[in-house]
């Protein structure tokens, strides 16, 4: 499954809605979209609720995006973490690095 990236402006926040697999096949394209958004806005939000699978390359893109946002002084938020995103981040102990609040839905708690 490929990744679909929808860009939308919500007030001062540039949002990227990600749908599909956050994997090696989507990494280069996603990286370019995120870098462009970081250059265009002071606040960027990545909406992750529709991510089906995550691999190491996908996590690397997120880590690199956070580092670049910090370098540029841009606020980068991750929201709507899917189960796949949560599992991958917990496995790699990345939750504290990003520091975003996690909202667990009913299907995630059972």
C-alpha atoms as a PDB file:
ATOM      1  CA  UNK A   1       0.000   0.000   0.000  1.00  0.00           C
ATOM      2  CA  UNK A   2       1.364   3.425  -0.879  1.00  0.00           C
ATOM      3  CA  UNK A   3       1.026   6.559   1.180  1.00  0.00           C
ATOM      4  CA  UNK A   4      -1.411   9.354   0.427  1.00  0.00           C
ATOM      5  CA  UNK A   5      -0.410  12.759   1.819  1.00  0.00           C
ATOM      6  CA  UNK A   6      -3.047  15.471   2.044  1.00  0.00           C
ATOM      7  CA  UNK A   7      -1.933  18.966   2.947  1.00  0.00           C
ATOM      8  CA  UNK A   8      -4.350  21.413   4.554  1.00  0.00           C
ATOM      9  CA  UNK A   9      -4.131  24.737   6.338  1.00  0.00           C
ATOM     10  CA  UNK A  10      -5.932  24.987   9.677  1.00  0.00           C
ATOM     11  CA  UNK A  11      -5.482  28.527  10.953  1.00  0.00           C
ATOM     12  CA  UNK A  12      -1.747  29.022  11.525  1.00  0.00           C
ATOM     13  CA  UNK A  13      -1.090  25.270  11.452  1.00  0.00           C
ATOM     14  CA  UNK A  14       0.012  23.443   8.317  1.00  0.00           C
ATOM     15  CA  UNK A  15      -1.446  19.918   8.541  1.00  0.00           C
ATOM     16  CA  UNK A  16      -0.267  16.832   6.713  1.00  0.00           C
ATOM     17  CA  UNK A  17      -2.780  13.985   6.837  1.00  0.00           C
ATOM     18  CA  UNK A  18      -0.939  10.713   6.228  1.00  0.00           C
ATOM     19  CA  UNK A  19      -2.802   7.655   4.997  1.00  0.00           C
ATOM     20  CA  UNK A  20      -1.273   4.269   4.216  1.00  0.00           C
ATOM     21  CA  UNK A  21       2.052   2.724   5.151  1.00  0.00           C
ATOM     22  CA  UNK A  22       4.813   4.756   6.773  1.00  0.00           C
ATOM     23  CA  UNK A  23       7.588   2.641   5.296  1.00  0.00           C
ATOM     24  CA  UNK A  24      10.707   2.680   3.155  1.00  0.00           C
ATOM     25  CA  UNK A  25       8.624   3.079  -0.009  1.00  0.00           C
ATOM     26  CA  UNK A  26       6.979   6.268   1.271  1.00  0.00           C
ATOM     27  CA  UNK A  27       9.970   7.700   3.156  1.00  0.00           C
ATOM     28  CA  UNK A  28      11.531   9.906   0.451  1.00  0.00           C
ATOM     29  CA  UNK A  29       8.252  11.469  -0.648  1.00  0.00           C
ATOM     30  CA  UNK A  30       7.083  12.015   2.914  1.00  0.00           C
ATOM     31  CA  UNK A  31      10.401  13.581   3.870  1.00  0.00           C
ATOM     32  CA  UNK A  32      10.085  16.107   1.035  1.00  0.00           C
ATOM     33  CA  UNK A  33       6.495  16.995   2.006  1.00  0.00           C
ATOM     34  CA  UNK A  34       7.453  17.493   5.649  1.00  0.00           C
ATOM     35  CA  UNK A  35      10.529  19.607   4.848  1.00  0.00           C
ATOM     36  CA  UNK A  36       8.454  21.826   2.568  1.00  0.00           C
ATOM     37  CA  UNK A  37       5.807  22.266   5.281  1.00  0.00           C
ATOM     38  CA  UNK A  38       8.479  23.092   7.891  1.00  0.00           C
ATOM     39  CA  UNK A  39       9.885  25.783   5.583  1.00  0.00           C
ATOM     40  CA  UNK A  40       6.437  27.315   4.970  1.00  0.00           C
ATOM     41  CA  UNK A  41       4.957  27.420   8.456  1.00  0.00           C
ATOM     42  CA  UNK A  42       5.812  27.963  12.121  1.00  0.00           C
ATOM     43  CA  UNK A  43       3.500  25.118  13.178  1.00  0.00           C
ATOM     44  CA  UNK A  44       3.179  21.749  11.455  1.00  0.00           C
ATOM     45  CA  UNK A  45       0.954  18.872  12.513  1.00  0.00           C
ATOM     46  CA  UNK A  46       1.239  15.327  11.209  1.00  0.00           C
ATOM     47  CA  UNK A  47      -2.081  13.482  11.444  1.00  0.00           C
ATOM     48  CA  UNK A  48      -1.288   9.793  11.896  1.00  0.00           C
ATOM     49  CA  UNK A  49      -4.633   8.088  12.532  1.00  0.00           C
ATOM     50  CA  UNK A  50      -4.700   6.462   9.089  1.00  0.00           C
ATOM     51  CA  UNK A  51      -1.226   4.901   9.188  1.00  0.00           C
ATOM     52  CA  UNK A  52      -1.573   1.141   8.717  1.00  0.00           C
ATOM     53  CA  UNK A  53       2.058   0.005   9.062  1.00  0.00           C
ATOM     54  CA  UNK A  54       5.351   1.530  10.189  1.00  0.00           C
ATOM     55  CA  UNK A  55       8.910   0.368   9.593  1.00  0.00           C
ATOM     56  CA  UNK A  56      12.346   1.676  10.572  1.00  0.00           C
ATOM     57  CA  UNK A  57      12.582   4.007   7.587  1.00  0.00           C
ATOM     58  CA  UNK A  58       9.241   5.560   8.492  1.00  0.00           C
ATOM     59  CA  UNK A  59      10.376   6.149  12.061  1.00  0.00           C
ATOM     60  CA  UNK A  60      13.605   7.681  10.768  1.00  0.00           C
ATOM     61  CA  UNK A  61      11.616  10.196   8.735  1.00  0.00           C
ATOM     62  CA  UNK A  62       9.656  11.225  11.844  1.00  0.00           C
ATOM     63  CA  UNK A  63      12.807  11.530  13.966  1.00  0.00           C
ATOM     64  CA  UNK A  64      14.565  13.560  11.261  1.00  0.00           C
ATOM     65  CA  UNK A  65      11.498  15.793  10.882  1.00  0.00           C
ATOM     66  CA  UNK A  66      11.489  16.510  14.624  1.00  0.00           C
ATOM     67  CA  UNK A  67      15.211  17.327  14.550  1.00  0.00           C
ATOM     68  CA  UNK A  68      14.769  19.659  11.572  1.00  0.00           C
ATOM     69  CA  UNK A  69      11.774  21.353  13.207  1.00  0.00           C
ATOM     70  CA  UNK A  70      13.846  21.982  16.336  1.00  0.00           C
ATOM     71  CA  UNK A  71      16.687  23.357  14.206  1.00  0.00           C
ATOM     72  CA  UNK A  72      14.313  25.727  12.384  1.00  0.00           C
ATOM     73  CA  UNK A  73      12.366  26.728  15.489  1.00  0.00           C
ATOM     74  CA  UNK A  74       9.149  25.268  14.073  1.00  0.00           C
ATOM     75  CA  UNK A  75       6.625  23.518  16.304  1.00  0.00           C
ATOM     76  CA  UNK A  76       6.040  19.983  14.991  1.00  0.00           C
ATOM     77  CA  UNK A  77       3.147  17.988  16.447  1.00  0.00           C
ATOM     78  CA  UNK A  78       2.172  14.375  15.910  1.00  0.00           C
ATOM     79  CA  UNK A  79      -1.485  13.612  16.529  1.00  0.00           C
ATOM     80  CA  UNK A  80      -4.039  10.853  16.126  1.00  0.00           C
ATOM     81  CA  UNK A  81      -1.441   8.114  16.556  1.00  0.00           C
ATOM     82  CA  UNK A  82      -2.697   4.873  15.014  1.00  0.00           C
ATOM     83  CA  UNK A  83      -2.075   1.570  16.772  1.00  0.00           C
ATOM     84  CA  UNK A  84       0.776   0.841  14.314  1.00  0.00           C
ATOM     85  CA  UNK A  85       2.453   4.170  15.110  1.00  0.00           C
ATOM     86  CA  UNK A  86       2.063   3.675  18.858  1.00  0.00           C
ATOM     87  CA  UNK A  87       3.450   0.147  18.724  1.00  0.00           C
ATOM     88  CA  UNK A  88       6.499   1.181  16.670  1.00  0.00           C
ATOM     89  CA  UNK A  89       7.231   4.215  18.852  1.00  0.00           C
ATOM     90  CA  UNK A  90       6.891   2.220  22.053  1.00  0.00           C
ATOM     91  CA  UNK A  91       9.111  -0.562  20.719  1.00  0.00           C
ATOM     92  CA  UNK A  92      11.838   1.974  19.900  1.00  0.00           C
ATOM     93  CA  UNK A  93      11.183   4.051  23.037  1.00  0.00           C
ATOM     94  CA  UNK A  94      10.531   7.199  21.015  1.00  0.00           C
ATOM     95  CA  UNK A  95       7.472   8.520  22.862  1.00  0.00           C
ATOM     96  CA  UNK A  96       9.495  10.841  25.151  1.00  0.00           C
ATOM     97  CA  UNK A  97      11.489  12.193  22.187  1.00  0.00           C
ATOM     98  CA  UNK A  98       8.365  13.494  20.483  1.00  0.00           C
ATOM     99  CA  UNK A  99       6.514  14.419  23.678  1.00  0.00           C
ATOM    100  CA  UNK A 100       3.102  14.635  22.025  1.00  0.00           C
ATOM    101  CA  UNK A 101       0.000  13.745  24.041  1.00  0.00           C
ATOM    102  CA  UNK A 102      -1.509  10.377  23.151  1.00  0.00           C
ATOM    103  CA  UNK A 103      -5.260   9.889  23.032  1.00  0.00           C
ATOM    104  CA  UNK A 104      -6.182   6.219  23.349  1.00  0.00           C
ATOM    105  CA  UNK A 105      -9.390   5.160  21.657  1.00  0.00           C
ATOM    106  CA  UNK A 106     -11.530   2.305  22.954  1.00  0.00           C
ATOM    107  CA  UNK A 107     -10.145  -0.179  20.406  1.00  0.00           C
ATOM    108  CA  UNK A 108      -6.586   0.606  21.563  1.00  0.00           C
ATOM    109  CA  UNK A 109      -7.233  -0.144  25.215  1.00  0.00           C
ATOM    110  CA  UNK A 110      -8.632  -3.633  24.780  1.00  0.00           C
END
